[in-house]
Amino acid sequence: MNQRQELISWDDVHRLIDNLMQQFDHQYKVLLMITRGGIVPGGFLAEAMDICNIYTASVDFYDPLESAGQPKSRYLAWPKFLQFPDNAALKDERVLIVDDVWGSGRTITAVRKRVAAAGGLPSTCVLHFNPYRNLFDSSRPDYYGATTDAWIIYPWEVEHGFRNRLLPNKS
């Protein structure tokens, strides 16, 4: 299946950030960026919201079937946190979790649950929400800049030569 691709510009990114800024109904002291996609939008939001407590979360999905030599299954993979802030930094804090895209929702949902388990009050925020790929029927981002059905290509991905690595194979 070929998915429609959409290349967005820096101006588009700034419009999405402006759209997000109008949606926030809480003040946040803590921002948690999901690597790598959430780093650029997280930086813009931290600056615009004057947030100084900035952390990163890095998540990989371990698939027990794949490690046993069977085909990879996106439904059976378990989150493995490669990087995550100490629970004390999140406890009793409103935490804005930022990523670029909510596609399947697996990564940001895992991070949200871990923040809540640490005693934090998580809110999720993405530039783009793809409701057509979402694996969580009743769950969606708390804040999102736009909805899409496309494979989004961000300007920082193209400008640094990553385009061929990021685009799905069109053959």
C-alpha atoms as a PDB file:
ATOM      1  CA  MET A   1       0.000   0.000   0.000  1.00  0.00           C
ATOM      2  CA  ASN A   2       1.370   3.400  -0.986  1.00  0.00           C
ATOM      3  CA  GLN A   3       0.660   6.077   1.570  1.00  0.00           C
ATOM      4  CA  ARG A   4       0.233   9.668   0.479  1.00  0.00           C
ATOM      5  CA  GLN A   5       3.235  11.781   1.464  1.00  0.00           C
ATOM      6  CA  GLU A   6       3.176  15.416   2.490  1.00  0.00           C
ATOM      7  CA  LEU A   7       6.259  17.604   2.745  1.00  0.00           C
ATOM      8  CA  ILE A   8       5.680  20.516   5.081  1.00  0.00           C
ATOM      9  CA  SER A   9       7.692  23.720   5.344  1.00  0.00           C
ATOM     10  CA  TRP A  10       9.127  25.592   8.315  1.00  0.00           C
ATOM     11  CA  ASP A  11       6.264  28.087   7.907  1.00  0.00           C
ATOM     12  CA  ASP A  12       3.820  25.172   8.239  1.00  0.00           C
ATOM     13  CA  VAL A  13       5.596  24.051  11.424  1.00  0.00           C
ATOM     14  CA  HIS A  14       5.331  27.559  12.896  1.00  0.00           C
ATOM     15  CA  ARG A  15       1.605  27.672  12.066  1.00  0.00           C
ATOM     16  CA  LEU A  16       1.120  24.317  13.792  1.00  0.00           C
ATOM     17  CA  ILE A  17       2.981  25.586  16.880  1.00  0.00           C
ATOM     18  CA  ASP A  18       0.806  28.739  16.897  1.00  0.00           C
ATOM     19  CA  ASN A  19      -2.289  26.539  16.642  1.00  0.00           C
ATOM     20  CA  LEU A  20      -1.103  24.433  19.576  1.00  0.00           C
ATOM     21  CA  MET A  21      -0.322  27.503  21.694  1.00  0.00           C
ATOM     22  CA  GLN A  22      -3.963  28.595  21.439  1.00  0.00           C
ATOM     23  CA  GLN A  23      -5.195  25.218  22.717  1.00  0.00           C
ATOM     24  CA  PHE A  24      -3.338  24.899  26.023  1.00  0.00           C
ATOM     25  CA  ASP A  25      -5.640  25.187  29.000  1.00  0.00           C
ATOM     26  CA  HIS A  26      -2.968  24.638  31.678  1.00  0.00           C
ATOM     27  CA  GLN A  27       0.424  26.041  32.552  1.00  0.00           C
ATOM     28  CA  TYR A  28       3.197  23.492  32.331  1.00  0.00           C
ATOM     29  CA  LYS A  29       6.486  23.527  34.232  1.00  0.00           C
ATOM     30  CA  VAL A  30       7.720  20.232  32.777  1.00  0.00           C
ATOM     31  CA  LEU A  31       8.067  19.255  29.120  1.00  0.00           C
ATOM     32  CA  LEU A  32       8.963  15.708  28.086  1.00  0.00           C
ATOM     33  CA  MET A  33      10.109  15.336  24.470  1.00  0.00           C
ATOM     34  CA  ILE A  34       9.960  11.925  22.824  1.00  0.00           C
ATOM     35  CA  THR A  35      13.125  11.267  20.858  1.00  0.00           C
ATOM     36  CA  ARG A  36      13.717  11.901  18.119  1.00  0.00           C
ATOM     37  CA  GLY A  37      10.542  13.311  16.581  1.00  0.00           C
ATOM     38  CA  GLY A  38       9.547  15.438  19.551  1.00  0.00           C
ATOM     39  CA  ILE A  39      12.826  17.289  19.937  1.00  0.00           C
ATOM     40  CA  VAL A  40      12.233  20.065  17.384  1.00  0.00           C
ATOM     41  CA  PRO A  41       8.568  20.787  18.220  1.00  0.00           C
ATOM     42  CA  GLY A  42       9.373  20.368  21.920  1.00  0.00           C
ATOM     43  CA  GLY A  43      12.109  22.981  21.655  1.00  0.00           C
ATOM     44  CA  PHE A  44       9.760  25.449  19.971  1.00  0.00           C
ATOM     45  CA  LEU A  45       7.060  24.857  22.590  1.00  0.00           C
ATOM     46  CA  ALA A  46       9.473  25.057  25.544  1.00  0.00           C
ATOM     47  CA  GLU A  47      10.710  28.413  24.282  1.00  0.00           C
ATOM     48  CA  ALA A  48       7.224  29.776  23.579  1.00  0.00           C
ATOM     49  CA  MET A  49       5.876  28.588  26.944  1.00  0.00           C
ATOM     50  CA  ASP A  50       9.008  29.524  28.928  1.00  0.00           C
ATOM     51  CA  ILE A  51       9.434  25.970  30.250  1.00  0.00           C
ATOM     52  CA  CYS A  52      12.840  25.294  31.766  1.00  0.00           C
ATOM     53  CA  ASN A  53      12.373  21.722  33.040  1.00  0.00           C
ATOM     54  CA  ILE A  54      12.891  19.803  29.809  1.00  0.00           C
ATOM     55  CA  TYR A  55      13.435  16.049  29.629  1.00  0.00           C
ATOM     56  CA  THR A  56      13.613  13.354  26.962  1.00  0.00           C
ATOM     57  CA  ALA A  57      12.086   9.912  26.703  1.00  0.00           C
ATOM     58  CA  SER A  58      13.440   7.334  24.304  1.00  0.00           C
ATOM     59  CA  VAL A  59      11.307   4.274  23.675  1.00  0.00           C
ATOM     60  CA  ASP A  60      11.917   1.157  21.638  1.00  0.00           C
ATOM     61  CA  PHE A  61       9.475  -1.692  21.206  1.00  0.00           C
ATOM     62  CA  TYR A  62      10.775  -5.137  22.011  1.00  0.00           C
ATOM     63  CA  ASP A  63       8.945  -7.908  20.162  1.00  0.00           C
ATOM     64  CA  PRO A  64       9.329 -11.311  21.833  1.00  0.00           C
ATOM     65  CA  LEU A  65       8.206 -13.075  18.636  1.00  0.00           C
ATOM     66  CA  GLU A  66      10.821 -11.324  16.531  1.00  0.00           C
ATOM     67  CA  SER A  67      13.587 -12.269  18.975  1.00  0.00           C
ATOM     68  CA  ALA A  68      12.406 -15.887  18.619  1.00  0.00           C
ATOM     69  CA  GLY A  69      12.906 -15.690  14.830  1.00  0.00           C
ATOM     70  CA  GLN A  70       9.242 -15.151  13.934  1.00  0.00           C
ATOM     71  CA  PRO A  71       7.898 -12.249  11.846  1.00  0.00           C
ATOM     72  CA  LYS A  72       7.613  -8.918  13.624  1.00  0.00           C
ATOM     73  CA  SER A  73       4.161  -8.110  15.019  1.00  0.00           C
ATOM     74  CA  ARG A  74       3.330  -4.481  15.777  1.00  0.00           C
ATOM     75  CA  TYR A  75       0.687  -5.582  18.262  1.00  0.00           C
ATOM     76  CA  LEU A  76       2.830  -7.799  20.509  1.00  0.00           C
ATOM     77  CA  ALA A  77       5.812  -5.482  21.007  1.00  0.00           C
ATOM     78  CA  TRP A  78       6.500  -4.221  24.545  1.00  0.00           C
ATOM     79  CA  PRO A  79       7.927  -0.763  25.249  1.00  0.00           C
ATOM     80  CA  LYS A  80      11.523  -0.634  26.382  1.00  0.00           C
ATOM     81  CA  PHE A  81      12.510   2.737  27.829  1.00  0.00           C
ATOM     82  CA  LEU A  82      16.059   3.558  26.778  1.00  0.00           C
ATOM     83  CA  GLN A  83      15.892   6.992  28.382  1.00  0.00           C
ATOM     84  CA  PHE A  84      13.421   8.455  30.884  1.00  0.00           C
ATOM     85  CA  PRO A  85      13.566  11.114  33.606  1.00  0.00           C
ATOM     86  CA  ASP A  86      13.652  10.202  37.266  1.00  0.00           C
ATOM     87  CA  ASN A  87      10.195   9.787  38.821  1.00  0.00           C
ATOM     88  CA  ALA A  88      10.913  12.604  41.306  1.00  0.00           C
ATOM     89  CA  ALA A  89      11.142  15.099  38.412  1.00  0.00           C
ATOM     90  CA  LEU A  90       7.584  14.192  37.312  1.00  0.00           C
ATOM     91  CA  LYS A  91       5.752  13.579  40.607  1.00  0.00           C
ATOM     92  CA  ASP A  92       2.843  15.992  41.151  1.00  0.00           C
ATOM     93  CA  GLU A  93       3.795  17.991  38.040  1.00  0.00           C
ATOM     94  CA  ARG A  94       1.729  18.766  34.951  1.00  0.00           C
ATOM     95  CA  VAL A  95       3.867  17.182  32.234  1.00  0.00           C
ATOM     96  CA  LEU A  96       3.469  18.122  28.568  1.00  0.00           C
ATOM     97  CA  ILE A  97       4.579  15.137  26.465  1.00  0.00           C
ATOM     98  CA  VAL A  98       5.582  16.214  22.943  1.00  0.00           C
ATOM     99  CA  ASP A  99       6.124  14.210  19.759  1.00  0.00           C
ATOM    100  CA  ASP A 100       5.894  15.052  16.076  1.00  0.00           C
ATOM    101  CA  VAL A 101       3.182  12.574  15.012  1.00  0.00           C
ATOM    102  CA  TRP A 102       0.589  10.386  16.695  1.00  0.00           C
ATOM    103  CA  GLY A 103       0.392   7.550  14.176  1.00  0.00           C
ATOM    104  CA  SER A 104      -0.309   4.250  15.884  1.00  0.00           C
ATOM    105  CA  GLY A 105      -0.141   6.005  19.257  1.00  0.00           C
ATOM    106  CA  ARG A 106       1.979   3.264  20.851  1.00  0.00           C
ATOM    107  CA  THR A 107       4.990   5.359  21.814  1.00  0.00           C
ATOM    108  CA  ILE A 108       3.216   8.390  23.238  1.00  0.00           C
ATOM    109  CA  THR A 109       0.678   6.193  25.058  1.00  0.00           C
ATOM    110  CA  ALA A 110       3.503   4.216  26.692  1.00  0.00           C
ATOM    111  CA  VAL A 111       5.189   7.452  27.764  1.00  0.00           C
ATOM    112  CA  ARG A 112       1.905   8.897  29.077  1.00  0.00           C
ATOM    113  CA  LYS A 113       1.314   5.763  31.182  1.00  0.00           C
ATOM    114  CA  ARG A 114       4.831   5.870  32.585  1.00  0.00           C
ATOM    115  CA  VAL A 115       4.464   9.563  33.532  1.00  0.00           C
ATOM    116  CA  ALA A 116       1.170   8.768  35.290  1.00  0.00           C
ATOM    117  CA  ALA A 117       2.790   5.815  37.098  1.00  0.00           C
ATOM    118  CA  ALA A 118       5.498   8.217  38.336  1.00  0.00           C
ATOM    119  CA  GLY A 119       2.801  10.423  39.865  1.00  0.00           C
ATOM    120  CA  GLY A 120       2.829  13.066  37.131  1.00  0.00           C
ATOM    121  CA  LEU A 121      -0.194  14.599  35.412  1.00  0.00           C
ATOM    122  CA  PRO A 122       0.448  13.885  31.711  1.00  0.00           C
ATOM    123  CA  SER A 123      -0.936  15.704  28.674  1.00  0.00           C
ATOM    124  CA  THR A 124      -0.017  14.649  25.138  1.00  0.00           C
ATOM    125  CA  CYS A 125       0.810  17.027  22.311  1.00  0.00           C
ATOM    126  CA  VAL A 126       1.737  16.380  18.670  1.00  0.00           C
ATOM    127  CA  LEU A 127       2.056  18.395  15.486  1.00  0.00           C
ATOM    128  CA  HIS A 128       0.017  15.827  13.507  1.00  0.00           C
ATOM    129  CA  PHE A 129      -2.600  13.292  14.545  1.00  0.00           C
ATOM    130  CA  ASN A 130      -3.378  10.431  12.157  1.00  0.00           C
ATOM    131  CA  PRO A 131      -6.696   8.960  13.360  1.00  0.00           C
ATOM    132  CA  TYR A 132      -6.597   6.360  10.570  1.00  0.00           C
ATOM    133  CA  ARG A 133      -3.473   4.648  11.985  1.00  0.00           C
ATOM    134  CA  ASN A 134      -4.404   5.030  15.654  1.00  0.00           C
ATOM    135  CA  LEU A 135      -4.400   1.687  17.487  1.00  0.00           C
ATOM    136  CA  PHE A 136      -6.258   3.131  20.482  1.00  0.00           C
ATOM    137  CA  ASP A 137      -9.893   3.682  19.533  1.00  0.00           C
ATOM    138  CA  SER A 138     -10.864   5.835  22.485  1.00  0.00           C
ATOM    139  CA  SER A 139      -7.542   7.638  22.853  1.00  0.00           C
ATOM    140  CA  ARG A 140      -6.186  10.642  21.007  1.00  0.00           C
ATOM    141  CA  PRO A 141      -3.744  13.432  21.759  1.00  0.00           C
ATOM    142  CA  ASP A 142      -4.858  16.096  24.201  1.00  0.00           C
ATOM    143  CA  TYR A 143      -3.472  18.727  21.827  1.00  0.00           C
ATOM    144  CA  TYR A 144      -2.650  18.452  18.129  1.00  0.00           C
ATOM    145  CA  GLY A 145      -1.847  20.946  15.414  1.00  0.00           C
ATOM    146  CA  ALA A 146      -3.614  19.151  12.561  1.00  0.00           C
ATOM    147  CA  THR A 147      -5.106  15.823  11.518  1.00  0.00           C
ATOM    148  CA  THR A 148      -3.723  13.935   8.554  1.00  0.00           C
ATOM    149  CA  ASP A 149      -3.868  10.684   6.645  1.00  0.00           C
ATOM    150  CA  ALA A 150      -0.449  11.290   5.057  1.00  0.00           C
ATOM    151  CA  TRP A 151       3.108  10.282   5.812  1.00  0.00           C
ATOM    152  CA  ILE A 152       4.436  13.663   6.993  1.00  0.00           C
ATOM    153  CA  ILE A 153       7.947  14.721   6.019  1.00  0.00           C
ATOM    154  CA  TYR A 154       9.219  17.541   8.231  1.00  0.00           C
ATOM    155  CA  PRO A 155      11.664  20.184   6.994  1.00  0.00           C
ATOM    156  CA  TRP A 156      14.394  19.105   9.418  1.00  0.00           C
ATOM    157  CA  GLU A 157      14.254  15.582   7.971  1.00  0.00           C
ATOM    158  CA  VAL A 158      14.787  16.730   4.386  1.00  0.00           C
ATOM    159  CA  GLU A 159      17.386  19.386   5.127  1.00  0.00           C
ATOM    160  CA  HIS A 160      19.685  16.911   6.815  1.00  0.00           C
ATOM    161  CA  GLY A 161      19.610  14.235   4.131  1.00  0.00           C
ATOM    162  CA  PHE A 162      17.332  11.799   5.945  1.00  0.00           C
ATOM    163  CA  ARG A 163      14.599  11.748   3.325  1.00  0.00           C
ATOM    164  CA  ASN A 164      15.555   8.418   1.749  1.00  0.00           C
ATOM    165  CA  ARG A 165      15.703   6.755   5.173  1.00  0.00           C
ATOM    166  CA  LEU A 166      12.317   8.078   6.262  1.00  0.00           C
ATOM    167  CA  LEU A 167      10.082   7.503   3.288  1.00  0.00           C
ATOM    168  CA  PRO A 168       8.313   4.157   3.003  1.00  0.00           C
ATOM    169  CA  ASN A 169       9.465   2.043   0.093  1.00  0.00           C
ATOM    170  CA  LYS A 170       7.310   2.925  -2.935  1.00  0.00           C
ATOM    171  CA  SER A 171       8.058  -0.231  -4.921  1.00  0.00           C
END
